[in-house]
Amino acid sequence: MRHPARTLCAMALAACTSIATLAAHAQASTPATGMQHVAWSKNANIYEVNIRQFSAEGSFNAFAAQLPRLRKMGVDILWIMPINPIGEKNRKGPLGSYYAVQNYTTINPEFGTLDDFKSLVKKAHTLGMHVIIDWVPNHTAFDNPWVTEHPDWYLKNDKGEIYPVTMGKEAWTDVTGLDYSNKELWKGMTDAMAFWLREADIDGFRCDVANNVPTPFWNYARAELDRIKPVFMLAEGDKPDQHEHAFDMTYGWDTWELFVKIAKGEADAGALKQFLADPPKRFPRDAYRMRFTSNHDKNSWDGSDKELYGPAFKAMSVLAMTLPGVPLIYDGQESGLDKRLEFFQKDPIVWKNYQYAPFYAHLLKLKHEHPALWNGQFGADAEVIETGNDKVFAFRRKKDSDVVTVVVNLSNAKQVFTLPGRKRQQLAAWDYRIDARK
């Protein structure tokens, strides 16, 4: 069922508290880097595509058939999970992990052919969308040709053997790590990335485990790729220095954690105020941060939207879509994806009636049309507005004459609140109001 935006009565927008002033100062205090974002990204959103699980067919062609629907919803950037063949040696599960790459310059036959992929990209471009592919630079499958052709590109144990990647307490037994102290690897990896720009005309990359790969490599790779065409780069990382030369966007894990805590009743408006006033890390003014309620990792390993948010799902999605950053939608969310998708075997999304498509379409339309909501230096900071109720969070973003004000009830009960200069108002449990005006 469509949930139309609710309009706030005119309010005294200038009456923001000292918290708002502090928040604006904190967010703007880190200088811009001069990152030259591609022009089409300034008010863009991103949609993650899990080809294997997107349809029963699990193919590029089956996904391509849905492109007009996604464009109608307002999707701009398609992030397609790894398209490369999956290693067979030490494979996990019957189909293996998308992130155990057997060959960087060929297509996973499970999804179709190279021509199928090129056709998908061309169709997306015709519709006005852009395509980035998931790239796995930290490790490869054990049966990747590089293991025998370039053994010096890999990390070795004391016995001189390649070994499984360990991430914290987790052993990734199906992959082995690459050694970026070898500068020959830098060229080999960048050449493999460049292949997809030249061969399929993609628009950039989402780079897996980017924090584990040295930032100087990313700076080198970005410069080389931009020589072919201006690219858009998303890091699965959260290092401020990644924005200096290499990446347009990094992961907003910080707000994801807040959204989950709020939905579970473990945090309230105070936590969001604190985040805006004193974020855990300071990023450059022109940095894009990805805001999301789910992605492939969060869905499969942490919980479905139903598990994580329950009735708070729309409220948290509104925050992800309107706070500073680039909003992400994971495939299936527009149809109420309510299960954890299997990671190593076939488990298609159950597409229902797309009940959240109008909800997302409205929020994406707001972002496209209102410069206050645009990304990085093109948009505005969030200024907190006091509500007199720690269960109700309100903020505004103002860019010249364009103003967007958002109020969200962060609780499972009706709440009464007061905005500066206005009469007392109320919001139902997990309800929200958005006022957007130019």
Protein backbone atom coordinates (compact mmCIF):
# COMPACT_ATOMS: atom_id res chain seq x y z
CA MET A 1 0.00 0.00 0.00
CA ARG A 2 1.27 3.42 -0.88
CA HIS A 3 2.30 5.57 2.06
CA PRO A 4 2.21 9.17 0.76
CA ALA A 5 4.48 11.80 2.25
CA ARG A 6 2.87 13.78 4.99
CA THR A 7 3.20 17.53 4.80
CA LEU A 8 4.22 19.66 7.74
CA CYS A 9 2.54 22.96 8.30
CA ALA A 10 4.80 25.95 7.83
CA MET A 11 7.25 26.15 10.70
CA ALA A 12 9.77 28.53 12.09
CA LEU A 13 12.69 26.98 10.26
CA ALA A 14 15.17 29.53 11.48
CA ALA A 15 14.60 28.48 15.08
CA CYS A 16 17.24 25.74 15.28
CA THR A 17 19.00 25.00 18.55
CA SER A 18 22.63 25.23 19.52
CA ILE A 19 22.80 21.50 18.80
CA ALA A 20 21.93 22.24 15.19
CA THR A 21 24.66 24.84 14.99
CA LEU A 22 27.15 22.41 16.46
CA ALA A 23 26.06 19.68 14.06
CA ALA A 24 26.49 21.90 11.03
CA HIS A 25 29.90 23.03 12.29
CA ALA A 26 31.05 19.46 12.96
CA GLN A 27 30.06 18.22 9.54
CA ALA A 28 31.55 21.17 7.66
CA SER A 29 34.77 21.43 9.67
CA THR A 30 36.75 18.96 7.53
CA PRO A 31 37.89 20.66 4.32
CA ALA A 32 36.83 19.37 0.94
CA THR A 33 39.42 17.37 -1.00
CA GLY A 34 38.56 18.62 -4.46
CA MET A 35 37.30 15.19 -5.51
CA GLN A 36 35.89 15.46 -9.03
CA HIS A 37 32.71 13.40 -8.82
CA VAL A 38 31.09 12.47 -12.12
CA ALA A 39 28.29 14.96 -12.74
CA TRP A 40 25.55 12.33 -12.85
CA SER A 41 26.24 11.31 -9.25
CA LYS A 42 25.37 14.60 -7.54
CA ASN A 43 21.77 13.61 -6.72
CA ALA A 44 22.01 9.88 -7.40
CA ASN A 45 20.93 6.84 -5.43
CA ILE A 46 22.19 3.27 -5.68
CA TYR A 47 20.47 -0.12 -6.03
CA GLU A 48 22.33 -3.35 -5.25
CA VAL A 49 21.68 -6.31 -7.55
CA ASN A 50 22.24 -9.92 -6.48
CA ILE A 51 21.96 -11.59 -9.91
CA ARG A 52 21.91 -15.14 -8.52
CA GLN A 53 18.95 -14.49 -6.24
CA PHE A 54 17.16 -11.75 -8.19
CA SER A 55 15.12 -14.25 -10.21
CA ALA A 56 14.49 -17.95 -10.58
CA GLU A 57 16.64 -17.84 -13.72
CA GLY A 58 19.42 -15.97 -11.96
CA SER A 59 20.66 -14.45 -15.20
CA PHE A 60 21.68 -11.09 -16.63
CA ASN A 61 18.83 -11.29 -19.12
CA ALA A 62 16.21 -11.95 -16.45
CA PHE A 63 17.44 -8.94 -14.50
CA ALA A 64 17.62 -6.74 -17.60
CA ALA A 65 13.90 -7.29 -18.15
CA GLN A 66 13.27 -5.42 -14.88
CA LEU A 67 15.29 -2.33 -15.74
CA PRO A 68 12.30 -0.25 -16.90
CA ARG A 69 10.53 -0.95 -13.60
CA LEU A 70 13.57 0.12 -11.60
CA ARG A 71 14.06 3.26 -13.65
CA LYS A 72 10.40 4.15 -13.13
CA MET A 73 11.00 3.79 -9.39
CA GLY A 74 13.84 6.30 -9.71
CA VAL A 75 16.95 4.10 -9.53
CA ASP A 76 20.14 5.76 -10.82
CA ILE A 77 23.18 3.55 -10.13
CA LEU A 78 23.08 -0.23 -10.38
CA TRP A 79 25.67 -1.99 -8.22
CA ILE A 80 25.90 -5.53 -9.58
CA MET A 81 27.47 -8.10 -7.27
CA PRO A 82 30.51 -9.98 -8.66
CA ILE A 83 30.04 -11.14 -12.24
CA ASN A 84 33.18 -13.29 -12.40
CA PRO A 85 33.43 -17.10 -12.29
CA ILE A 86 33.55 -18.59 -8.79
CA GLY A 87 36.42 -20.82 -7.68
CA GLU A 88 35.84 -24.56 -7.40
CA LYS A 89 38.76 -25.42 -5.12
CA ASN A 90 37.72 -25.18 -1.44
CA ARG A 91 34.30 -23.89 -2.60
CA LYS A 92 31.73 -23.14 0.09
CA GLY A 93 28.31 -24.66 -0.48
CA PRO A 94 27.02 -25.94 -3.83
CA LEU A 95 27.47 -22.64 -5.71
CA GLY A 96 30.22 -20.92 -3.76
CA SER A 97 30.79 -17.33 -2.71
CA TYR A 98 30.46 -14.57 -5.27
CA TYR A 99 33.63 -13.15 -3.69
CA ALA A 100 35.88 -16.16 -4.48
CA VAL A 101 36.95 -14.95 -7.93
CA GLN A 102 38.38 -17.60 -10.24
CA ASN A 103 39.13 -15.25 -13.14
CA TYR A 104 38.98 -11.45 -13.19
CA THR A 105 38.35 -11.02 -16.92
CA THR A 106 35.67 -13.61 -17.65
CA ILE A 107 31.96 -13.98 -16.89
CA ASN A 108 30.32 -16.41 -14.46
CA PRO A 109 28.47 -18.77 -16.84
CA GLU A 110 25.79 -19.15 -14.15
CA PHE A 111 24.64 -15.64 -15.11
CA GLY A 112 24.99 -15.76 -18.91
CA THR A 113 27.57 -14.59 -21.44
CA LEU A 114 29.73 -11.55 -21.91
CA ASP A 115 27.38 -10.40 -24.64
CA ASP A 116 24.45 -10.74 -22.22
CA PHE A 117 26.25 -8.54 -19.72
CA LYS A 118 27.20 -5.96 -22.34
CA SER A 119 23.57 -5.86 -23.46
CA LEU A 120 22.46 -5.27 -19.87
CA VAL A 121 24.87 -2.34 -19.48
CA LYS A 122 23.81 -0.85 -22.80
CA LYS A 123 20.11 -1.11 -21.88
CA ALA A 124 20.77 0.53 -18.49
CA HIS A 125 22.61 3.38 -20.21
CA THR A 126 19.77 3.84 -22.69
CA LEU A 127 17.36 4.21 -19.76
CA GLY A 128 19.59 6.80 -18.08
CA MET A 129 21.08 4.52 -15.44
CA HIS A 130 24.73 3.75 -14.69
CA VAL A 131 26.37 0.43 -13.81
CA ILE A 132 29.15 -0.37 -11.36
CA ILE A 133 30.39 -3.89 -10.73
CA ASP A 134 31.54 -5.49 -7.51
CA TRP A 135 35.32 -5.91 -7.55
CA VAL A 136 37.26 -8.24 -5.23
CA PRO A 137 40.86 -6.97 -4.92
CA ASN A 138 41.85 -8.33 -1.49
CA HIS A 139 41.87 -12.03 -2.35
CA THR A 140 41.17 -14.61 -5.05
CA ALA A 141 39.96 -18.19 -5.25
CA PHE A 142 42.67 -20.81 -4.78
CA ASP A 143 42.27 -21.86 -8.43
CA ASN A 144 42.63 -18.39 -9.92
CA PRO A 145 45.28 -18.49 -12.71
CA TRP A 146 47.31 -15.86 -10.87
CA VAL A 147 48.15 -18.45 -8.18
CA THR A 148 50.37 -20.31 -10.64
CA GLU A 149 51.20 -17.50 -13.07
CA HIS A 150 52.10 -14.89 -10.41
CA PRO A 151 52.71 -16.70 -7.09
CA ASP A 152 54.71 -13.68 -5.90
CA TRP A 153 51.49 -11.66 -5.90
CA TYR A 154 50.17 -13.66 -2.92
CA LEU A 155 50.71 -13.58 0.82
CA LYS A 156 52.64 -16.61 2.15
CA ASN A 157 52.94 -18.28 5.54
CA ASP A 158 56.24 -19.22 7.21
CA LYS A 159 56.46 -22.28 4.97
CA GLY A 160 56.11 -20.21 1.81
CA GLU A 161 52.57 -21.45 1.18
CA ILE A 162 49.49 -19.45 0.27
CA TYR A 163 46.84 -19.77 2.96
CA PRO A 164 43.19 -18.86 3.63
CA VAL A 165 42.24 -15.30 4.45
CA THR A 166 41.42 -14.61 8.10
CA MET A 167 39.17 -11.67 8.93
CA GLY A 168 39.10 -11.18 12.67
CA LYS A 169 37.82 -14.46 14.10
CA GLU A 170 36.46 -15.56 10.74
CA ALA A 171 38.39 -17.80 8.34
CA TRP A 172 37.52 -17.45 4.66
CA THR A 173 38.69 -20.92 3.67
CA ASP A 174 37.76 -20.52 0.00
CA VAL A 175 40.07 -17.56 -0.75
CA THR A 176 43.73 -16.60 -0.42
CA GLY A 177 45.11 -13.11 0.11
CA LEU A 178 46.96 -10.85 -2.31
CA ASP A 179 50.19 -9.05 -1.36
CA TYR A 180 50.11 -5.34 -2.22
CA SER A 181 53.73 -4.83 -1.25
CA ASN A 182 54.43 -6.16 -4.77
CA LYS A 183 53.94 -3.23 -7.14
CA GLU A 184 53.55 -5.57 -10.12
CA LEU A 185 50.23 -6.63 -8.58
CA TRP A 186 49.11 -3.00 -8.71
CA LYS A 187 49.38 -2.96 -12.49
CA GLY A 188 47.90 -6.44 -12.90
CA MET A 189 44.86 -5.60 -10.80
CA THR A 190 44.30 -2.23 -12.47
CA ASP A 191 44.61 -3.77 -15.92
CA ALA A 192 41.93 -6.30 -14.99
CA MET A 193 39.62 -3.51 -13.82
CA ALA A 194 40.33 -1.53 -16.99
CA PHE A 195 39.25 -4.54 -19.07
CA TRP A 196 35.63 -4.04 -17.97
CA LEU A 197 35.66 -0.33 -18.74
CA ARG A 198 36.90 -0.99 -22.25
CA GLU A 199 35.01 -4.20 -22.97
CA ALA A 200 31.62 -3.55 -21.35
CA ASP A 201 31.58 0.24 -20.86
CA ILE A 202 30.72 -0.02 -17.16
CA ASP A 203 30.81 3.18 -15.10
CA GLY A 204 32.85 2.18 -12.07
CA PHE A 205 33.37 -0.26 -9.22
CA ARG A 206 32.22 -1.19 -5.75
CA CYS A 207 35.44 -2.42 -4.14
CA ASP A 208 35.21 -5.27 -1.67
CA VAL A 209 37.12 -5.16 1.64
CA ALA A 210 38.67 -1.87 0.53
CA ASN A 211 39.98 -1.10 4.01
CA ASN A 212 42.42 -4.03 3.73
CA VAL A 213 43.95 -2.78 0.48
CA PRO A 214 46.45 0.11 0.79
CA THR A 215 45.01 3.52 -0.05
CA PRO A 216 48.04 4.35 -2.24
CA PHE A 217 47.04 1.49 -4.53
CA TRP A 218 43.52 2.89 -4.78
CA ASN A 219 44.89 6.32 -5.62
CA TYR A 220 47.01 4.77 -8.38
CA ALA A 221 44.13 2.67 -9.74
CA ARG A 222 41.68 5.58 -9.78
CA ALA A 223 44.07 7.75 -11.78
CA GLU A 224 44.66 4.97 -14.32
CA LEU A 225 40.96 4.16 -14.69
CA ASP A 226 40.00 7.82 -15.12
CA ARG A 227 42.33 7.93 -18.13
CA ILE A 228 39.91 5.56 -19.87
CA LYS A 229 36.68 7.24 -18.72
CA PRO A 230 35.60 9.15 -15.59
CA VAL A 231 34.52 6.49 -13.11
CA PHE A 232 32.43 6.25 -9.94
CA MET A 233 34.12 4.39 -7.09
CA LEU A 234 32.47 2.96 -3.96
CA ALA A 235 34.67 1.52 -1.19
CA GLU A 236 33.52 -1.14 1.19
CA GLY A 237 35.45 0.88 3.68
CA ASP A 238 35.24 3.86 5.99
CA LYS A 239 38.65 5.52 5.97
CA PRO A 240 38.52 9.29 5.46
CA ASP A 241 41.73 9.23 3.41
CA GLN A 242 40.05 6.96 0.86
CA HIS A 243 38.17 10.06 -0.29
CA GLU A 244 41.25 12.15 -1.03
CA HIS A 245 41.87 10.79 -4.51
CA ALA A 246 40.39 7.31 -4.90
CA PHE A 247 36.77 6.94 -3.83
CA ASP A 248 33.61 8.93 -4.33
CA MET A 249 31.74 7.01 -1.63
CA THR A 250 32.40 4.91 1.48
CA TYR A 251 30.15 2.78 3.69
CA GLY A 252 27.97 4.39 6.33
CA TRP A 253 28.11 1.50 8.79
CA ASP A 254 27.83 4.11 11.54
CA THR A 255 24.24 5.03 10.70
CA TRP A 256 23.24 1.42 9.94
CA GLU A 257 24.19 0.50 13.50
CA LEU A 258 22.16 3.42 14.82
CA PHE A 259 19.10 2.49 12.75
CA VAL A 260 19.13 -1.07 14.15
CA LYS A 261 19.55 0.13 17.74
CA ILE A 262 16.70 2.62 17.36
CA ALA A 263 14.39 0.00 15.85
CA LYS A 264 15.13 -2.31 18.79
CA GLY A 265 14.46 0.44 21.34
CA GLU A 266 18.12 0.66 22.35
CA ALA A 267 18.64 4.27 21.16
CA ASP A 268 16.54 7.38 20.57
CA ALA A 269 16.75 10.86 19.06
CA GLY A 270 19.64 11.69 21.36
CA ALA A 271 21.84 9.17 19.60
CA LEU A 272 21.16 10.75 16.21
CA LYS A 273 21.79 14.22 17.61
CA GLN A 274 25.09 13.02 19.04
CA PHE A 275 26.04 11.43 15.74
CA LEU A 276 25.48 14.66 13.84
CA ALA A 277 27.21 16.79 16.46
CA ASP A 278 30.22 14.52 16.96
CA PRO A 279 30.48 11.78 14.32
CA PRO A 280 32.83 8.85 15.06
CA LYS A 281 35.00 9.89 12.11
CA ARG A 282 35.34 13.20 10.29
CA PHE A 283 35.03 12.95 6.53
CA PRO A 284 35.78 15.59 3.88
CA ARG A 285 32.91 17.89 2.97
CA ASP A 286 32.77 16.43 -0.54
CA ALA A 287 32.74 12.79 0.60
CA TYR A 288 29.72 10.70 -0.29
CA ARG A 289 28.66 8.31 2.50
CA MET A 290 26.38 5.39 1.65
CA ARG A 291 23.26 5.21 3.84
CA PHE A 292 21.38 1.93 4.00
CA THR A 293 19.07 -0.28 6.00
CA SER A 294 20.32 -3.45 4.30
CA ASN A 295 22.74 -4.89 1.75
CA HIS A 296 23.81 -8.41 0.80
CA ASP A 297 25.98 -8.86 3.90
CA LYS A 298 23.52 -7.37 6.37
CA ASN A 299 20.62 -9.33 4.91
CA SER A 300 22.36 -12.73 4.84
CA TRP A 301 24.37 -12.52 8.05
CA ASP A 302 22.65 -10.02 10.38
CA GLY A 303 18.97 -10.34 9.56
CA SER A 304 16.14 -9.54 7.22
CA ASP A 305 14.35 -6.21 7.39
CA LYS A 306 11.59 -7.95 9.34
CA GLU A 307 14.10 -9.20 11.90
CA LEU A 308 16.10 -6.01 12.23
CA TYR A 309 13.39 -3.35 12.01
CA GLY A 310 9.92 -4.85 12.17
CA PRO A 311 7.36 -2.01 12.11
CA ALA A 312 10.20 0.56 12.21
CA PHE A 313 11.32 -0.28 8.66
CA LYS A 314 9.78 2.74 6.92
CA ALA A 315 10.95 5.16 9.60
CA MET A 316 14.54 3.94 9.32
CA SER A 317 14.33 4.00 5.52
CA VAL A 318 13.19 7.63 5.59
CA LEU A 319 16.27 8.50 7.65
CA ALA A 320 18.54 6.60 5.25
CA MET A 321 16.98 8.41 2.32
CA THR A 322 17.05 11.95 3.74
CA LEU A 323 20.08 12.28 6.02
CA PRO A 324 23.28 13.42 4.26
CA GLY A 325 24.57 10.60 2.09
CA VAL A 326 23.72 8.42 -0.90
CA PRO A 327 20.79 6.08 -0.20
CA LEU A 328 21.05 2.39 -1.09
CA ILE A 329 18.20 -0.02 -1.81
CA TYR A 330 18.97 -3.75 -1.74
CA ASP A 331 17.09 -5.75 -4.32
CA GLY A 332 13.80 -7.08 -2.97
CA GLN A 333 13.33 -4.34 -0.41
CA GLU A 334 10.80 -2.64 -2.68
CA SER A 335 8.73 -5.82 -2.41
CA GLY A 336 9.06 -6.38 1.32
CA LEU A 337 12.01 -8.81 1.32
CA ASP A 338 11.40 -10.63 4.59
CA LYS A 339 13.96 -13.43 4.59
CA ARG A 340 17.72 -13.85 4.75
CA LEU A 341 18.94 -14.80 1.30
CA GLU A 342 21.26 -17.82 1.26
CA PHE A 343 24.81 -16.89 0.36
CA PHE A 344 26.29 -20.07 -1.09
CA GLN A 345 23.28 -21.61 -2.81
CA LYS A 346 20.25 -20.71 -4.89
CA ASP A 347 17.54 -18.89 -2.94
CA PRO A 348 15.51 -16.58 -5.19
CA ILE A 349 13.79 -13.44 -3.93
CA VAL A 350 10.06 -13.94 -3.58
CA TRP A 351 8.65 -10.98 -5.47
CA LYS A 352 5.23 -10.00 -4.18
CA ASN A 353 3.26 -6.87 -5.04
CA TYR A 354 6.11 -4.31 -4.82
CA GLN A 355 4.30 -2.67 -1.93
CA TYR A 356 7.21 -0.39 -1.06
CA ALA A 357 7.90 0.75 -4.64
CA PRO A 358 5.69 3.87 -4.37
CA PHE A 359 7.28 4.66 -1.00
CA TYR A 360 10.78 4.50 -2.46
CA ALA A 361 9.73 6.26 -5.66
CA HIS A 362 8.48 9.26 -3.69
CA LEU A 363 11.65 9.51 -1.59
CA LEU A 364 13.92 9.16 -4.62
CA LYS A 365 11.91 11.81 -6.45
CA LEU A 366 12.43 14.17 -3.51
CA LYS A 367 16.16 13.56 -3.68
CA HIS A 368 16.30 14.19 -7.42
CA GLU A 369 14.30 17.40 -7.26
CA HIS A 370 15.58 19.05 -4.07
CA PRO A 371 19.20 20.26 -4.03
CA ALA A 372 19.12 20.32 -0.22
CA LEU A 373 19.12 16.50 -0.36
CA TRP A 374 21.89 16.15 -2.93
CA ASN A 375 25.16 14.36 -2.22
CA GLY A 376 28.39 15.64 -0.72
CA GLN A 377 29.24 19.26 -1.49
CA PHE A 378 26.20 19.53 -3.77
CA GLY A 379 23.75 19.16 -0.87
CA ALA A 380 23.27 20.56 2.61
CA ASP A 381 24.18 19.47 6.12
CA ALA A 382 21.49 18.28 8.52
CA GLU A 383 20.52 20.75 11.22
CA VAL A 384 18.73 19.32 14.24
CA ILE A 385 15.43 20.90 15.29
CA GLU A 386 14.39 20.44 18.91
CA THR A 387 11.06 18.67 19.46
CA GLY A 388 10.84 18.54 23.24
CA ASN A 389 10.58 14.74 23.04
CA ASP A 390 13.54 12.37 22.93
CA LYS A 391 11.45 9.88 20.94
CA VAL A 392 10.92 12.32 18.07
CA PHE A 393 13.81 13.33 15.84
CA ALA A 394 13.56 16.36 13.54
CA PHE A 395 16.06 17.97 11.21
CA ARG A 396 16.18 20.22 8.21
CA ARG A 397 18.51 20.52 5.22
CA LYS A 398 18.66 23.91 3.49
CA LYS A 399 20.39 24.75 0.22
CA ASP A 400 19.76 28.34 -0.81
CA SER A 401 15.95 28.64 -1.01
CA ASP A 402 15.40 24.88 -1.05
CA VAL A 403 14.43 23.47 2.35
CA VAL A 404 13.53 19.91 3.34
CA THR A 405 12.34 19.22 6.88
CA VAL A 406 11.94 15.71 8.27
CA VAL A 407 10.29 14.60 11.51
CA VAL A 408 10.33 10.93 12.56
CA ASN A 409 8.77 9.17 15.53
CA LEU A 410 11.48 6.79 16.73
CA SER A 411 9.23 4.72 18.96
CA ASN A 412 6.47 2.12 18.88
CA ALA A 413 3.95 4.45 20.54
CA LYS A 414 2.16 7.66 19.61
CA GLN A 415 4.25 10.69 20.52
CA VAL A 416 3.42 14.35 21.13
CA PHE A 417 6.03 16.94 20.19
CA THR A 418 6.47 20.67 19.63
CA LEU A 419 8.51 22.33 16.93
CA PRO A 420 9.83 25.86 17.52
CA GLY A 421 7.06 28.40 17.14
CA ARG A 422 4.36 25.81 16.50
CA LYS A 423 1.54 24.21 18.43
CA ARG A 424 1.82 20.71 19.88
CA GLN A 425 1.56 17.97 17.29
CA GLN A 426 1.53 14.20 17.34
CA LEU A 427 2.81 11.30 15.30
CA ALA A 428 1.66 7.70 15.35
CA ALA A 429 4.14 4.93 16.18
CA TRP A 430 7.09 4.94 13.74
CA ASP A 431 5.37 7.58 11.63
CA TYR A 432 7.09 10.44 9.82
CA ARG A 433 6.43 13.76 8.09
CA ILE A 434 8.38 15.41 5.33
CA ASP A 435 8.03 19.00 4.20
CA ALA A 436 9.92 19.86 1.02
CA ARG A 437 9.72 23.33 -0.50
CA LYS A 438 11.71 25.53 -2.82
